[in-house]
C-alpha atoms as a PDB file:
ATOM      1  CA  UNK A   1       0.099   0.079  -0.006  1.00  0.00           C
ATOM      2  CA  UNK A   2       1.583   3.355  -1.122  1.00  0.00           C
ATOM      3  CA  UNK A   3       2.260   5.981   1.672  1.00  0.00           C
ATOM      4  CA  UNK A   4      -0.250   8.547  -0.073  1.00  0.00           C
ATOM      5  CA  UNK A   5      -3.035   5.833   0.290  1.00  0.00           C
ATOM      6  CA  UNK A   6      -2.253   5.522   4.033  1.00  0.00           C
ATOM      7  CA  UNK A   7      -2.301   9.194   4.569  1.00  0.00           C
ATOM      8  CA  UNK A   8      -5.606   9.472   2.437  1.00  0.00           C
ATOM      9  CA  UNK A   9      -7.349   6.891   4.706  1.00  0.00           C
ATOM     10  CA  UNK A  10      -5.866   8.313   8.011  1.00  0.00           C
ATOM     11  CA  UNK A  11      -7.202  11.948   6.632  1.00  0.00           C
ATOM     12  CA  UNK A  12     -10.536  10.310   5.859  1.00  0.00           C
ATOM     13  CA  UNK A  13     -10.900   8.625   9.358  1.00  0.00           C
ATOM     14  CA  UNK A  14     -10.019  12.287  10.987  1.00  0.00           C
ATOM     15  CA  UNK A  15     -12.502  14.010   8.788  1.00  0.00           C
ATOM     16  CA  UNK A  16     -15.412  11.271   9.863  1.00  0.00           C
ATOM     17  CA  UNK A  17     -14.468  11.840  13.518  1.00  0.00           C
ATOM     18  CA  UNK A  18     -14.846  15.350  13.215  1.00  0.00           C
ATOM     19  CA  UNK A  19     -18.071  15.285  11.248  1.00  0.00           C
ATOM     20  CA  UNK A  20     -19.635  12.817  13.870  1.00  0.00           C
ATOM     21  CA  UNK A  21     -18.372  15.108  16.865  1.00  0.00           C
ATOM     22  CA  UNK A  22     -19.992  18.067  15.436  1.00  0.00           C
ATOM     23  CA  UNK A  23     -23.401  16.170  14.550  1.00  0.00           C
ATOM     24  CA  UNK A  24     -23.229  14.827  18.266  1.00  0.00           C
ATOM     25  CA  UNK A  25     -22.836  18.329  19.643  1.00  0.00           C
ATOM     26  CA  UNK A  26     -25.339  20.071  17.511  1.00  0.00           C
ATOM     27  CA  UNK A  27     -28.154  17.215  18.626  1.00  0.00           C
ATOM     28  CA  UNK A  28     -27.261  17.128  22.135  1.00  0.00           C
ATOM     29  CA  UNK A  29     -29.768  18.497  24.397  1.00  0.00           C
ATOM     30  CA  UNK A  30     -29.747  20.362  27.653  1.00  0.00           C
ATOM     31  CA  UNK A  31     -31.225  17.896  30.567  1.00  0.00           C
ATOM     32  CA  UNK A  32     -33.019  20.772  32.354  1.00  0.00           C
ATOM     33  CA  UNK A  33     -34.409  22.299  28.996  1.00  0.00           C
ATOM     34  CA  UNK A  34     -34.880  19.551  26.292  1.00  0.00           C
ATOM     35  CA  UNK A  35     -35.829  22.047  23.838  1.00  0.00           C
ATOM     36  CA  UNK A  36     -32.727  23.949  24.057  1.00  0.00           C
ATOM     37  CA  UNK A  37     -29.817  22.619  22.333  1.00  0.00           C
ATOM     38  CA  UNK A  38     -26.780  21.876  24.941  1.00  0.00           C
ATOM     39  CA  UNK A  39     -24.524  23.859  22.546  1.00  0.00           C
ATOM     40  CA  UNK A  40     -26.383  27.152  23.015  1.00  0.00           C
ATOM     41  CA  UNK A  41     -26.004  26.694  26.847  1.00  0.00           C
ATOM     42  CA  UNK A  42     -22.312  26.574  26.247  1.00  0.00           C
ATOM     43  CA  UNK A  43     -22.313  29.573  24.004  1.00  0.00           C
ATOM     44  CA  UNK A  44     -24.541  31.645  26.463  1.00  0.00           C
ATOM     45  CA  UNK A  45     -21.519  30.531  29.135  1.00  0.00           C
ATOM     46  CA  UNK A  46     -18.854  31.839  26.781  1.00  0.00           C
ATOM     47  CA  UNK A  47     -20.719  35.263  26.249  1.00  0.00           C
ATOM     48  CA  UNK A  48     -20.912  35.661  30.024  1.00  0.00           C
ATOM     49  CA  UNK A  49     -17.266  34.923  30.513  1.00  0.00           C
ATOM     50  CA  UNK A  50     -16.474  37.676  27.670  1.00  0.00           C
ATOM     51  CA  UNK A  51     -18.501  40.152  29.415  1.00  0.00           C
ATOM     52  CA  UNK A  52     -15.989  39.723  32.432  1.00  0.00           C
ATOM     53  CA  UNK A  53     -12.931  39.605  30.167  1.00  0.00           C
ATOM     54  CA  UNK A  54     -10.318  42.102  29.896  1.00  0.00           C
ATOM     55  CA  UNK A  55      -7.846  42.926  27.124  1.00  0.00           C
ATOM     56  CA  UNK A  56      -4.474  41.336  27.386  1.00  0.00           C
ATOM     57  CA  UNK A  57      -1.498  43.756  26.421  1.00  0.00           C
ATOM     58  CA  UNK A  58       2.016  43.140  25.447  1.00  0.00           C
ATOM     59  CA  UNK A  59       5.160  44.806  26.996  1.00  0.00           C
ATOM     60  CA  UNK A  60       4.594  47.872  24.522  1.00  0.00           C
ATOM     61  CA  UNK A  61       0.950  48.301  25.778  1.00  0.00           C
ATOM     62  CA  UNK A  62      -0.667  47.230  22.673  1.00  0.00           C
ATOM     63  CA  UNK A  63      -3.452  44.741  22.653  1.00  0.00           C
ATOM     64  CA  UNK A  64      -2.161  41.232  21.843  1.00  0.00           C
ATOM     65  CA  UNK A  65      -3.485  39.660  18.346  1.00  0.00           C
ATOM     66  CA  UNK A  66      -4.071  36.006  18.034  1.00  0.00           C
ATOM     67  CA  UNK A  67      -5.488  33.628  15.370  1.00  0.00           C
ATOM     68  CA  UNK A  68      -8.553  31.252  15.869  1.00  0.00           C
ATOM     69  CA  UNK A  69      -8.513  28.048  13.669  1.00  0.00           C
ATOM     70  CA  UNK A  70     -11.930  27.165  12.355  1.00  0.00           C
ATOM     71  CA  UNK A  71     -12.484  23.957  10.750  1.00  0.00           C
ATOM     72  CA  UNK A  72     -15.242  24.266   8.113  1.00  0.00           C
ATOM     73  CA  UNK A  73     -17.433  20.868   7.352  1.00  0.00           C
ATOM     74  CA  UNK A  74     -19.173  21.021   4.046  1.00  0.00           C
ATOM     75  CA  UNK A  75     -21.361  18.326   2.155  1.00  0.00           C
ATOM     76  CA  UNK A  76     -20.270  17.315  -1.161  1.00  0.00           C
ATOM     77  CA  UNK A  77     -22.532  15.008  -3.381  1.00  0.00           C
ATOM     78  CA  UNK A  78     -20.882  11.679  -4.570  1.00  0.00           C
ATOM     79  CA  UNK A  79     -21.526   8.411  -5.801  1.00  0.00           C
ATOM     80  CA  UNK A  80     -21.403   5.191  -3.971  1.00  0.00           C
ATOM     81  CA  UNK A  81     -18.671   2.825  -5.225  1.00  0.00           C
ATOM     82  CA  UNK A  82     -17.242  -0.504  -4.329  1.00  0.00           C
ATOM     83  CA  UNK A  83     -13.571  -0.515  -3.181  1.00  0.00           C
ATOM     84  CA  UNK A  84     -11.161  -3.460  -3.681  1.00  0.00           C
ATOM     85  CA  UNK A  85     -11.742  -5.825  -1.028  1.00  0.00           C
ATOM     86  CA  UNK A  86     -15.577  -5.395  -1.164  1.00  0.00           C
ATOM     87  CA  UNK A  87     -15.784  -2.232   0.978  1.00  0.00           C
ATOM     88  CA  UNK A  88     -18.089   0.548  -0.215  1.00  0.00           C
ATOM     89  CA  UNK A  89     -17.251   4.379  -0.284  1.00  0.00           C
ATOM     90  CA  UNK A  90     -18.629   7.448  -1.452  1.00  0.00           C
ATOM     91  CA  UNK A  91     -16.435   9.324  -4.422  1.00  0.00           C
ATOM     92  CA  UNK A  92     -16.885  12.724  -5.510  1.00  0.00           C
ATOM     93  CA  UNK A  93     -14.544  14.414  -8.256  1.00  0.00           C
ATOM     94  CA  UNK A  94     -12.130  15.443  -5.497  1.00  0.00           C
ATOM     95  CA  UNK A  95     -12.904  13.260  -2.306  1.00  0.00           C
ATOM     96  CA  UNK A  96     -13.477   9.791  -1.368  1.00  0.00           C
ATOM     97  CA  UNK A  97     -15.144   8.947   2.041  1.00  0.00           C
ATOM     98  CA  UNK A  98     -14.788   5.116   2.760  1.00  0.00           C
ATOM     99  CA  UNK A  99     -17.073   5.468   5.868  1.00  0.00           C
ATOM    100  CA  UNK A 100     -19.933   7.125   4.305  1.00  0.00           C
ATOM    101  CA  UNK A 101     -23.116   6.123   6.075  1.00  0.00           C
ATOM    102  CA  UNK A 102     -25.308   6.360   3.026  1.00  0.00           C
ATOM    103  CA  UNK A 103     -23.192   3.873   0.981  1.00  0.00           C
ATOM    104  CA  UNK A 104     -23.116   1.196   3.842  1.00  0.00           C
ATOM    105  CA  UNK A 105     -24.873  -2.110   2.912  1.00  0.00           C
ATOM    106  CA  UNK A 106     -27.394  -1.375   5.665  1.00  0.00           C
ATOM    107  CA  UNK A 107     -28.594   2.066   4.192  1.00  0.00           C
END
């Protein structure tokens, strides 16, 4: 198996885990108020924390700058294919998802 195929499979696995984690976060509910998503409770908590925040400054008195890394998950339409060895996968022009639930035998 070539090194690029191994990297691709590892990257696909990480992407799948990220998508599943985001789906779980968006569907989790607050036990005290089931109609309110859990993620909004955390967002409110973060907003309250920001209200009490103070600016960090460097030695010259300037406000410190920072970078926030955000991963964007998007859905791309593809077609189900059969891989060597019998496994199913979803393939688009640029991507391959070997764990696509929509292409599994159960779907």
